[in-house]
Amino acid sequence: MTSTAFTTGAGGANQTIPDSDVEYWSGTATSTNGSGTFTPGQPTAAAAVALFSGQTAFAHTAGGGANNASWDPTVIVNVPSTVAAGQYTGTITHSVA
């Protein structure tokens, strides 16, 4: 998964929260279906990662056929003290590879 920067207004220097300030951890699976091993990328808060580059939420190995996993991730947006007040929007993208 990756994140864009979060912006408000015109997205100027004091209206942008960089993607490096967006943290994520997947936690463990809430449910799985299929064979093989499902491994969380960040099982605990201590393993949280910044989303400025692609990160793996879950990995699956040694299974065939239809498999799926569900999880309840945690996202934290660390707001720098230098940004203006406002409603910020950004996009977090999950991809399957």
N, C-alpha and C. Protein backbone atom coordinates (compact mmCIF):
# COMPACT_ATOMS: atom_id res chain seq x y z
N MET A 1 0.83 -1.16 0.00
CA MET A 1 0.00 0.00 0.00
C MET A 1 0.88 1.23 0.00
N THR A 2 0.35 2.33 -0.44
CA THR A 2 1.05 3.61 -0.46
C THR A 2 0.04 4.70 -0.09
N SER A 3 0.56 5.88 0.16
CA SER A 3 -0.30 7.02 0.48
C SER A 3 0.16 8.23 -0.32
N THR A 4 -0.78 9.09 -0.62
CA THR A 4 -0.43 10.41 -1.15
C THR A 4 -0.23 11.33 0.05
N ALA A 5 0.27 12.51 -0.21
CA ALA A 5 0.28 13.55 0.82
C ALA A 5 -1.17 13.94 1.11
N PHE A 6 -1.44 14.42 2.30
CA PHE A 6 -2.76 14.93 2.65
C PHE A 6 -2.70 16.45 2.51
N THR A 7 -3.69 17.04 1.82
CA THR A 7 -3.66 18.47 1.57
C THR A 7 -4.99 19.12 1.91
N THR A 8 -4.94 20.43 2.08
CA THR A 8 -6.12 21.27 2.25
C THR A 8 -5.89 22.52 1.42
N GLY A 9 -6.95 23.25 1.14
CA GLY A 9 -6.80 24.49 0.38
C GLY A 9 -6.10 24.25 -0.94
N ALA A 10 -5.11 25.10 -1.24
CA ALA A 10 -4.35 24.99 -2.49
C ALA A 10 -3.20 23.99 -2.37
N GLY A 11 -3.01 23.39 -1.20
CA GLY A 11 -1.94 22.42 -1.04
C GLY A 11 -0.56 23.04 -0.96
N GLY A 12 -0.50 24.28 -0.49
CA GLY A 12 0.79 24.96 -0.34
C GLY A 12 1.63 24.32 0.75
N ALA A 13 2.81 24.89 0.97
CA ALA A 13 3.77 24.33 1.93
C ALA A 13 3.17 24.14 3.32
N ASN A 14 2.37 25.10 3.78
CA ASN A 14 1.77 24.95 5.11
C ASN A 14 0.38 24.32 5.05
N GLN A 15 0.02 23.75 3.87
CA GLN A 15 -1.27 23.09 3.69
C GLN A 15 -1.10 21.64 3.24
N THR A 16 0.07 21.07 3.53
CA THR A 16 0.38 19.70 3.10
C THR A 16 0.98 18.90 4.23
N ILE A 17 0.41 17.73 4.47
CA ILE A 17 0.99 16.75 5.39
C ILE A 17 1.65 15.71 4.50
N PRO A 18 2.98 15.58 4.54
CA PRO A 18 3.66 14.68 3.62
C PRO A 18 3.30 13.21 3.86
N ASP A 19 3.40 12.40 2.80
CA ASP A 19 3.11 10.97 2.92
C ASP A 19 4.03 10.28 3.92
N SER A 20 5.18 10.85 4.19
CA SER A 20 6.09 10.26 5.19
C SER A 20 5.54 10.40 6.61
N ASP A 21 4.51 11.24 6.80
CA ASP A 21 3.87 11.40 8.11
C ASP A 21 2.62 10.53 8.26
N VAL A 22 2.38 9.65 7.28
CA VAL A 22 1.25 8.73 7.33
C VAL A 22 1.79 7.35 7.70
N GLU A 23 1.35 6.82 8.85
CA GLU A 23 1.82 5.51 9.31
C GLU A 23 0.68 4.49 9.25
N TYR A 24 1.07 3.23 9.10
CA TYR A 24 0.10 2.15 8.89
C TYR A 24 0.63 0.89 9.54
N TRP A 25 -0.26 0.14 10.13
CA TRP A 25 0.05 -1.25 10.45
C TRP A 25 -1.17 -2.10 10.21
N SER A 26 -0.93 -3.29 9.65
CA SER A 26 -2.03 -4.16 9.24
C SER A 26 -2.70 -4.86 10.40
N GLY A 27 -1.93 -5.19 11.45
CA GLY A 27 -2.46 -6.05 12.49
C GLY A 27 -2.55 -7.47 11.95
N THR A 28 -3.09 -8.36 12.73
CA THR A 28 -3.23 -9.74 12.29
C THR A 28 -4.53 -9.91 11.51
N ALA A 29 -4.66 -11.02 10.82
CA ALA A 29 -5.85 -11.28 10.03
C ALA A 29 -7.07 -11.44 10.93
N THR A 30 -8.18 -10.85 10.52
CA THR A 30 -9.44 -11.05 11.23
C THR A 30 -10.14 -12.29 10.70
N SER A 31 -9.82 -12.67 9.45
CA SER A 31 -10.30 -13.93 8.87
C SER A 31 -9.46 -14.27 7.65
N THR A 32 -9.35 -15.55 7.37
CA THR A 32 -8.66 -16.01 6.16
C THR A 32 -9.48 -17.14 5.54
N ASN A 33 -9.27 -17.35 4.26
CA ASN A 33 -9.94 -18.43 3.55
C ASN A 33 -8.95 -19.00 2.55
N GLY A 34 -8.81 -20.30 2.55
CA GLY A 34 -7.91 -20.96 1.61
C GLY A 34 -6.75 -21.60 2.32
N SER A 35 -5.85 -22.13 1.53
CA SER A 35 -4.70 -22.83 2.09
C SER A 35 -3.47 -21.93 2.09
N GLY A 36 -2.41 -22.40 2.69
CA GLY A 36 -1.17 -21.64 2.73
C GLY A 36 -1.04 -20.83 4.00
N THR A 37 -0.02 -19.98 4.01
CA THR A 37 0.29 -19.17 5.18
C THR A 37 0.02 -17.70 4.87
N PHE A 38 -0.71 -17.05 5.74
CA PHE A 38 -1.01 -15.63 5.62
C PHE A 38 -0.16 -14.90 6.67
N THR A 39 0.69 -13.99 6.24
CA THR A 39 1.62 -13.32 7.14
C THR A 39 1.39 -11.81 7.11
N PRO A 40 1.07 -11.20 8.24
CA PRO A 40 0.88 -9.74 8.26
C PRO A 40 2.21 -9.02 8.07
N GLY A 41 2.16 -7.92 7.33
CA GLY A 41 3.37 -7.12 7.14
C GLY A 41 3.76 -6.37 8.39
N GLN A 42 2.79 -5.92 9.15
CA GLN A 42 3.02 -5.16 10.38
C GLN A 42 2.05 -5.67 11.43
N PRO A 43 2.40 -6.73 12.14
CA PRO A 43 1.45 -7.34 13.07
C PRO A 43 1.12 -6.50 14.31
N THR A 44 1.99 -5.57 14.69
CA THR A 44 1.78 -4.76 15.89
C THR A 44 2.09 -3.30 15.62
N ALA A 45 1.68 -2.44 16.55
CA ALA A 45 1.97 -1.01 16.43
C ALA A 45 3.48 -0.75 16.36
N ALA A 46 4.26 -1.56 17.03
CA ALA A 46 5.72 -1.38 17.01
C ALA A 46 6.30 -1.59 15.62
N ALA A 47 5.57 -2.27 14.75
CA ALA A 47 6.04 -2.54 13.39
C ALA A 47 5.45 -1.57 12.36
N ALA A 48 4.77 -0.52 12.80
CA ALA A 48 4.15 0.44 11.89
C ALA A 48 5.18 0.99 10.90
N VAL A 49 4.71 1.28 9.68
CA VAL A 49 5.58 1.80 8.62
C VAL A 49 4.99 3.08 8.05
N ALA A 50 5.87 3.95 7.58
CA ALA A 50 5.44 5.15 6.87
C ALA A 50 5.08 4.75 5.44
N LEU A 51 4.09 5.42 4.86
CA LEU A 51 3.59 5.03 3.54
C LEU A 51 4.12 5.90 2.41
N PHE A 52 5.34 6.42 2.54
CA PHE A 52 5.91 7.22 1.46
C PHE A 52 6.42 6.35 0.32
N SER A 53 6.55 5.05 0.54
CA SER A 53 6.90 4.10 -0.52
C SER A 53 6.07 2.85 -0.31
N GLY A 54 6.00 2.00 -1.32
CA GLY A 54 5.17 0.81 -1.24
C GLY A 54 5.54 -0.09 -0.08
N GLN A 55 4.53 -0.56 0.63
CA GLN A 55 4.70 -1.47 1.76
C GLN A 55 3.77 -2.66 1.58
N THR A 56 4.12 -3.79 2.17
CA THR A 56 3.29 -4.99 2.09
C THR A 56 2.41 -5.09 3.33
N ALA A 57 1.09 -5.14 3.12
CA ALA A 57 0.16 -5.29 4.24
C ALA A 57 0.07 -6.74 4.67
N PHE A 58 -0.02 -7.65 3.69
CA PHE A 58 -0.10 -9.09 3.96
C PHE A 58 0.61 -9.84 2.86
N ALA A 59 1.20 -10.96 3.23
CA ALA A 59 1.83 -11.86 2.27
C ALA A 59 1.16 -13.23 2.39
N HIS A 60 1.13 -13.94 1.28
CA HIS A 60 0.54 -15.27 1.25
C HIS A 60 1.51 -16.20 0.55
N THR A 61 1.82 -17.32 1.17
CA THR A 61 2.74 -18.29 0.58
C THR A 61 2.17 -19.70 0.67
N ALA A 62 2.61 -20.52 -0.24
CA ALA A 62 2.36 -21.97 -0.26
C ALA A 62 0.90 -22.36 -0.39
N GLY A 63 0.09 -21.53 -0.97
CA GLY A 63 -1.31 -21.89 -1.17
C GLY A 63 -1.67 -21.82 -2.63
N GLY A 64 -2.65 -22.56 -3.02
CA GLY A 64 -3.12 -22.51 -4.40
C GLY A 64 -4.60 -22.25 -4.44
N GLY A 65 -5.10 -21.91 -5.59
CA GLY A 65 -6.53 -21.66 -5.74
C GLY A 65 -6.94 -20.32 -5.17
N ALA A 66 -8.22 -20.21 -4.84
CA ALA A 66 -8.75 -18.96 -4.31
C ALA A 66 -8.41 -18.83 -2.83
N ASN A 67 -7.77 -17.73 -2.49
CA ASN A 67 -7.39 -17.44 -1.11
C ASN A 67 -7.70 -15.99 -0.81
N ASN A 68 -8.05 -15.68 0.44
CA ASN A 68 -8.23 -14.28 0.80
C ASN A 68 -7.99 -14.10 2.29
N ALA A 69 -7.70 -12.86 2.63
CA ALA A 69 -7.49 -12.48 4.03
C ALA A 69 -8.20 -11.15 4.26
N SER A 70 -8.73 -10.99 5.46
CA SER A 70 -9.31 -9.72 5.89
C SER A 70 -8.55 -9.26 7.12
N TRP A 71 -8.42 -7.94 7.27
CA TRP A 71 -7.75 -7.39 8.43
C TRP A 71 -8.32 -6.02 8.73
N ASP A 72 -8.05 -5.52 9.91
CA ASP A 72 -8.56 -4.24 10.38
C ASP A 72 -7.35 -3.35 10.65
N PRO A 73 -6.84 -2.66 9.63
CA PRO A 73 -5.60 -1.89 9.80
C PRO A 73 -5.79 -0.63 10.64
N THR A 74 -4.68 -0.09 11.09
CA THR A 74 -4.66 1.19 11.79
C THR A 74 -3.85 2.17 10.96
N VAL A 75 -4.40 3.36 10.76
CA VAL A 75 -3.73 4.44 10.03
C VAL A 75 -3.58 5.61 10.98
N ILE A 76 -2.38 6.16 11.05
CA ILE A 76 -2.12 7.34 11.86
C ILE A 76 -1.56 8.42 10.96
N VAL A 77 -2.15 9.60 11.00
CA VAL A 77 -1.63 10.75 10.26
C VAL A 77 -1.04 11.69 11.30
N ASN A 78 0.29 11.81 11.29
CA ASN A 78 0.99 12.70 12.22
C ASN A 78 0.95 14.12 11.64
N VAL A 79 0.27 15.01 12.30
CA VAL A 79 0.07 16.37 11.79
C VAL A 79 1.19 17.27 12.28
N PRO A 80 2.03 17.77 11.35
CA PRO A 80 3.10 18.69 11.76
C PRO A 80 2.52 19.96 12.38
N SER A 81 3.23 20.54 13.32
CA SER A 81 2.76 21.76 13.99
C SER A 81 2.75 22.96 13.05
N THR A 82 3.40 22.85 11.90
CA THR A 82 3.51 23.98 10.98
C THR A 82 2.38 24.06 9.96
N VAL A 83 1.47 23.09 9.93
CA VAL A 83 0.42 23.13 8.92
C VAL A 83 -0.79 23.94 9.41
N ALA A 84 -1.49 24.50 8.44
CA ALA A 84 -2.68 25.30 8.73
C ALA A 84 -3.83 24.40 9.14
N ALA A 85 -4.73 24.95 9.93
CA ALA A 85 -5.94 24.22 10.29
C ALA A 85 -6.80 24.03 9.05
N GLY A 86 -7.52 22.94 8.98
CA GLY A 86 -8.40 22.69 7.86
C GLY A 86 -8.76 21.24 7.73
N GLN A 87 -9.58 20.93 6.76
CA GLN A 87 -9.95 19.55 6.46
C GLN A 87 -9.00 19.04 5.39
N TYR A 88 -8.24 18.02 5.72
CA TYR A 88 -7.22 17.47 4.83
C TYR A 88 -7.73 16.19 4.18
N THR A 89 -7.38 15.99 2.93
CA THR A 89 -7.73 14.76 2.24
C THR A 89 -6.50 14.16 1.59
N GLY A 90 -6.48 12.85 1.50
CA GLY A 90 -5.41 12.12 0.85
C GLY A 90 -5.96 10.76 0.45
N THR A 91 -5.13 9.96 -0.21
CA THR A 91 -5.55 8.65 -0.68
C THR A 91 -4.56 7.59 -0.24
N ILE A 92 -5.06 6.52 0.36
CA ILE A 92 -4.26 5.35 0.68
C ILE A 92 -4.72 4.25 -0.26
N THR A 93 -3.76 3.66 -0.97
CA THR A 93 -4.08 2.66 -2.00
C THR A 93 -3.53 1.30 -1.60
N HIS A 94 -4.39 0.29 -1.65
CA HIS A 94 -3.99 -1.12 -1.49
C HIS A 94 -3.99 -1.75 -2.88
N SER A 95 -2.97 -2.50 -3.20
CA SER A 95 -2.89 -3.20 -4.48
C SER A 95 -2.61 -4.67 -4.22
N VAL A 96 -3.02 -5.51 -5.14
CA VAL A 96 -2.74 -6.94 -5.05
C VAL A 96 -1.73 -7.29 -6.13
N ALA A 97 -0.67 -7.97 -5.72
CA ALA A 97 0.35 -8.36 -6.70
C ALA A 97 0.54 -9.85 -6.69
